[in-house]
Each structure stands twice: as structure tokens, then as C-alpha cells.
């Protein structure tokens, strides 16, 4: 939808995913959109080096989220929210469904 403004479709995917879910890591985002991991990692690192995102380590996993001190964060989120309004309803529902609760070992998903 706004990939021409952001430069690539993967840039839009990364930002929309983080907008809706709050935080995420590279392989999680790549798996969700069914794309290769490398371009997603590159976009995340590009946004982090530009100050748009910040990351923290949880074990060996680098978790990304929006940088709260980014100067244009409110404007960026407003643009992403506007673009997200035009996503297909089934994709909106799937993105909003965030199942991260831990479950008992051996319990079927």
C-alpha cells in the first residue's frame, strides 16, 4: 500500500507488523509474511540505525519495537494507521490475533 513511500514492500511489512503487535523479532515477522529472513533482518537493522526502531535482547533473540524518542513517531504511526485501514479485513484480523501465551510442555497447540 505505501511501499513506494517507504522504499520496499518489506519495509511496509516490518512497520505494519510492529505497529499492530507492538514488538517482534525478525524470524517471527518473516514467518508471518512467508518471506525470506534476510530482507526482513536488513529492514529491521536499517530502521534501527535510522533511529526509528530500538531493540533489546531476550536471550539470543533481538526484539524490535518503535523508538519512543523518535522525532516523527506520531506522524509515522498516523501514516501506518491510515494505510492499515485499507488492508483486507481477513489480514487485519490475522495480524491482530497475537497468540504468545506460554503453554504447558507437551500440550497440543
Protein backbone atom coordinates (compact mmCIF):
# COMPACT_ATOMS: atom_id res chain seq x y z
CA UNK A 1 0.00 0.00 0.00
CA UNK A 2 2.69 2.53 0.98
CA UNK A 3 5.76 0.59 -0.13
CA UNK A 4 6.57 3.28 -2.71
CA UNK A 5 6.89 5.85 0.08
CA UNK A 6 8.87 3.54 2.37
CA UNK A 7 11.09 2.14 -0.38
CA UNK A 8 10.12 -1.53 -0.30
CA UNK A 9 7.31 -3.91 0.47
CA UNK A 10 9.35 -5.47 3.29
CA UNK A 11 9.76 -2.07 4.94
CA UNK A 12 5.99 -1.70 5.00
CA UNK A 13 5.57 -5.25 6.32
CA UNK A 14 8.01 -4.65 9.18
CA UNK A 15 6.44 -1.36 10.24
CA UNK A 16 2.84 -2.57 9.98
CA UNK A 17 3.67 -5.71 11.96
CA UNK A 18 5.32 -3.68 14.73
CA UNK A 19 2.50 -1.14 14.70
CA UNK A 20 -0.15 -3.79 15.27
CA UNK A 21 1.73 -6.15 17.59
CA UNK A 22 3.93 -3.66 19.42
CA UNK A 23 7.13 -5.66 19.11
CA UNK A 24 8.58 -8.58 17.23
CA UNK A 25 11.70 -10.31 16.03
CA UNK A 26 12.99 -10.97 12.53
CA UNK A 27 12.12 -14.64 12.08
CA UNK A 28 8.65 -14.11 13.56
CA UNK A 29 7.94 -11.32 11.05
CA UNK A 30 9.41 -13.29 8.14
CA UNK A 31 7.37 -16.38 9.06
CA UNK A 32 4.17 -14.37 9.36
CA UNK A 33 4.52 -12.86 5.89
CA UNK A 34 6.05 -16.06 4.44
CA UNK A 35 9.13 -14.28 3.08
CA UNK A 36 12.88 -14.82 3.37
CA UNK A 37 14.51 -13.86 6.64
CA UNK A 38 17.42 -11.84 5.22
CA UNK A 39 15.42 -8.90 3.75
CA UNK A 40 13.42 -8.58 6.97
CA UNK A 41 16.61 -8.52 9.04
CA UNK A 42 18.07 -5.86 6.75
CA UNK A 43 14.99 -3.67 7.09
CA UNK A 44 14.97 -4.01 10.87
CA UNK A 45 18.65 -3.07 11.09
CA UNK A 46 18.13 -0.18 8.67
CA UNK A 47 15.26 1.21 10.77
CA UNK A 48 17.26 0.70 13.95
CA UNK A 49 20.30 2.54 12.57
CA UNK A 50 17.97 5.36 11.47
CA UNK A 51 16.54 5.66 14.96
CA UNK A 52 13.02 4.54 14.03
CA UNK A 53 13.29 1.28 15.99
CA UNK A 54 15.11 0.14 19.09
CA UNK A 55 15.97 -3.41 20.04
CA UNK A 56 16.60 -5.42 23.15
CA UNK A 57 17.99 -8.88 23.63
CA UNK A 58 15.90 -11.63 25.19
CA UNK A 59 18.34 -14.49 25.37
CA UNK A 60 19.74 -14.75 21.86
CA UNK A 61 16.72 -13.12 20.24
CA UNK A 62 16.79 -9.44 19.27
CA UNK A 63 13.31 -7.96 19.81
CA UNK A 64 12.43 -4.75 17.96
CA UNK A 65 9.88 -2.06 18.74
CA UNK A 66 9.29 1.57 17.84
CA UNK A 67 11.70 4.05 19.38
CA UNK A 68 9.58 6.21 21.70
CA UNK A 69 12.02 9.12 21.33
CA UNK A 70 11.96 9.11 17.50
CA UNK A 71 11.12 12.67 16.41
CA UNK A 72 8.49 11.69 13.81
CA UNK A 73 6.99 8.70 15.62
CA UNK A 74 3.46 10.09 15.91
CA UNK A 75 3.42 11.11 12.23
CA UNK A 76 4.80 7.73 11.14
CA UNK A 77 2.24 5.85 13.21
CA UNK A 78 -0.53 8.05 11.82
CA UNK A 79 0.56 7.22 8.26
CA UNK A 80 0.78 3.49 9.06
CA UNK A 81 -2.63 3.51 10.75
CA UNK A 82 -4.16 5.20 7.71
CA UNK A 83 -2.61 2.58 5.40
CA UNK A 84 -3.71 -0.23 7.73
CA UNK A 85 -7.33 0.89 7.40
CA UNK A 86 -7.22 -0.18 3.75
CA UNK A 87 -5.89 -3.69 4.41
CA UNK A 88 -8.27 -6.58 3.69
CA UNK A 89 -10.39 -7.49 6.75
CA UNK A 90 -9.05 -11.06 6.94
CA UNK A 91 -5.46 -9.79 7.01
CA UNK A 92 -6.35 -7.24 9.70
CA UNK A 93 -7.87 -9.98 11.88
CA UNK A 94 -4.90 -12.28 11.39
CA UNK A 95 -2.42 -9.54 12.25
CA UNK A 96 -4.35 -8.58 15.36
CA UNK A 97 -4.56 -12.18 16.57
CA UNK A 98 -1.45 -12.37 18.71
CA UNK A 99 -1.02 -15.74 20.40
CA UNK A 100 2.07 -15.55 22.57
CA UNK A 101 0.90 -17.12 25.79
CA UNK A 102 3.09 -19.94 27.03
CA UNK A 103 1.57 -23.38 27.16
CA UNK A 104 2.34 -26.49 29.16
CA UNK A 105 5.07 -28.75 27.77
CA UNK A 106 3.55 -31.48 25.65
CA UNK A 107 0.17 -29.80 25.42
CA UNK A 108 -1.16 -29.71 21.83
CA UNK A 109 -1.47 -26.27 20.28
